[in-house]
Amino acid sequence: MYRLTDAGREEFRTWMTQAPAGPDLETAALSRLYFLGLLEPGERAPVLHRIMTRIEADLATLSALDAHLDTLDIPERHRDLVTYQRATLDYGIASHRFALDWFRAQLDRAQLDRAQPDCAQPDRARE
């Protein structure tokens, strides 16, 4: 039989409350969102803020690259290649914008849930 240890519980809290790291932001963000309900209502908004901060930073990097590429003179022989490379960059920018808006909505929901009376919160004694 398995059970959650105090050390495991603390490791989980540490992971949940640290900024998402690594190259796969979507997996890091959605994994935290999946388990967000295990945190107390007051702990949820900061997790969402850290996710949004990472999304904003990655979006700024992609947008800066996009702006830089606009300044380059692309040789004719590379234009077909660059067209699809830029389309990939455009997708990344659009998906980050969507993710940012979507996580803002989750933050609004978390803040609304926190404002609700305790009777609306699930019974955490069963965990």
Protein backbone atom coordinates (compact mmCIF):
# COMPACT_ATOMS: atom_id res chain seq x y z
CA MET A 1 0.00 0.00 0.00
CA TYR A 2 1.25 3.46 -0.87
CA ARG A 3 0.67 6.66 1.02
CA LEU A 4 1.74 10.25 0.68
CA THR A 5 4.62 11.15 2.98
CA ASP A 6 5.25 14.54 4.55
CA ALA A 7 8.40 14.83 2.42
CA GLY A 8 6.40 14.02 -0.72
CA ARG A 9 3.72 16.53 0.20
CA GLU A 10 6.38 19.22 0.71
CA GLU A 11 8.10 18.36 -2.60
CA PHE A 12 4.76 18.64 -4.36
CA ARG A 13 4.09 22.07 -2.81
CA THR A 14 7.60 23.22 -3.80
CA TRP A 15 7.09 22.10 -7.39
CA MET A 16 3.61 23.64 -7.60
CA THR A 17 4.69 27.00 -6.22
CA GLN A 18 7.91 27.49 -8.17
CA ALA A 19 8.03 29.18 -11.55
CA PRO A 20 7.61 26.80 -14.51
CA ALA A 21 11.03 25.93 -15.85
CA GLY A 22 12.34 24.06 -18.85
CA PRO A 23 11.68 24.29 -22.55
CA ASP A 24 8.15 22.81 -22.55
CA LEU A 25 6.08 25.60 -21.02
CA GLU A 26 2.75 24.11 -22.06
CA THR A 27 3.38 20.85 -20.19
CA ALA A 28 4.75 22.66 -17.13
CA ALA A 29 1.80 25.05 -17.01
CA LEU A 30 -0.95 22.52 -17.66
CA SER A 31 0.52 20.06 -15.15
CA ARG A 32 0.31 22.70 -12.45
CA LEU A 33 -3.19 23.68 -13.53
CA TYR A 34 -4.28 20.03 -13.37
CA PHE A 35 -3.27 19.80 -9.70
CA LEU A 36 -4.17 23.37 -8.71
CA GLY A 37 -7.25 22.22 -6.81
CA LEU A 38 -4.99 20.42 -4.31
CA LEU A 39 -3.68 23.76 -3.09
CA GLU A 40 -5.60 25.99 -0.74
CA PRO A 41 -7.67 28.64 -2.55
CA GLY A 42 -5.33 31.40 -1.37
CA GLU A 43 -2.32 29.63 -2.89
CA ARG A 44 -3.77 29.25 -6.38
CA ALA A 45 -3.53 32.80 -7.75
CA PRO A 46 0.24 33.08 -7.17
CA VAL A 47 0.78 29.84 -9.11
CA LEU A 48 -1.26 31.22 -12.00
CA HIS A 49 0.65 34.52 -11.83
CA ARG A 50 3.97 32.65 -12.14
CA ILE A 51 2.68 30.73 -15.14
CA MET A 52 1.50 33.96 -16.77
CA THR A 53 4.83 35.65 -16.06
CA ARG A 54 6.62 32.82 -17.89
CA ILE A 55 4.18 33.02 -20.81
CA GLU A 56 4.72 36.79 -21.02
CA ALA A 57 8.51 36.36 -20.99
CA ASP A 58 8.43 33.72 -23.71
CA LEU A 59 6.01 35.83 -25.75
CA ALA A 60 8.31 38.84 -25.44
CA THR A 61 11.23 36.73 -26.69
CA LEU A 62 9.25 35.49 -29.69
CA SER A 63 7.95 38.97 -30.46
CA ALA A 64 11.47 40.41 -30.30
CA LEU A 65 12.67 37.75 -32.72
CA ASP A 66 9.75 38.57 -35.03
CA ALA A 67 10.64 42.28 -34.94
CA HIS A 68 14.31 41.51 -35.60
CA LEU A 69 13.46 39.31 -38.57
CA ASP A 70 11.48 42.20 -40.05
CA THR A 71 14.74 44.15 -40.30
CA LEU A 72 16.58 41.49 -42.30
CA ASP A 73 16.92 41.40 -46.06
CA ILE A 74 16.24 37.80 -47.00
CA PRO A 75 17.92 36.58 -50.19
CA GLU A 76 15.48 35.42 -52.86
CA ARG A 77 16.78 31.84 -52.73
CA HIS A 78 15.75 31.56 -49.03
CA ARG A 79 12.35 33.25 -49.17
CA ASP A 80 10.31 30.05 -49.52
CA LEU A 81 12.09 28.54 -46.54
CA VAL A 82 11.74 31.70 -44.47
CA THR A 83 8.04 31.97 -45.30
CA TYR A 84 7.31 28.73 -43.45
CA GLN A 85 9.79 29.44 -40.69
CA ARG A 86 8.01 32.75 -40.07
CA ALA A 87 4.66 30.93 -40.15
CA THR A 88 5.98 28.69 -37.37
CA LEU A 89 7.04 31.76 -35.40
CA ASP A 90 3.62 33.35 -35.99
CA TYR A 91 2.00 30.20 -34.61
CA GLY A 92 4.18 30.39 -31.49
CA ILE A 93 3.26 34.03 -30.93
CA ALA A 94 -0.45 33.35 -31.47
CA SER A 95 -0.45 30.32 -29.17
CA HIS A 96 1.33 32.29 -26.42
CA ARG A 97 -1.21 35.11 -26.74
CA PHE A 98 -4.04 32.60 -26.50
CA ALA A 99 -2.41 30.88 -23.49
CA LEU A 100 -1.96 34.21 -21.73
CA ASP A 101 -5.61 35.17 -22.24
CA TRP A 102 -6.75 31.70 -21.22
CA PHE A 103 -4.67 31.67 -18.01
CA ARG A 104 -5.97 35.16 -17.18
CA ALA A 105 -9.48 33.69 -17.29
CA GLN A 106 -8.33 30.88 -14.98
CA LEU A 107 -6.91 33.47 -12.60
CA ASP A 108 -10.24 35.32 -12.62
CA ARG A 109 -11.98 32.04 -11.79
CA ALA A 110 -9.53 31.25 -8.98
CA GLN A 111 -10.04 34.70 -7.49
CA LEU A 112 -13.81 34.31 -7.73
CA ASP A 113 -13.62 30.88 -6.06
CA ARG A 114 -11.53 32.37 -3.27
CA ALA A 115 -14.14 35.07 -2.73
CA GLN A 116 -16.90 32.48 -2.28
CA PRO A 117 -17.88 31.43 1.24
CA ASP A 118 -16.07 28.38 2.65
CA CYS A 119 -19.21 26.29 2.30
CA ALA A 120 -18.75 26.43 -1.48
CA GLN A 121 -15.28 24.88 -1.21
CA PRO A 122 -14.91 21.09 -1.47
CA ASP A 123 -14.36 19.11 1.72
CA ARG A 124 -10.56 18.95 1.97
CA ALA A 125 -10.64 16.64 5.00
CA ARG A 126 -10.98 13.65 2.65
CA GLU A 127 -7.57 14.26 1.04
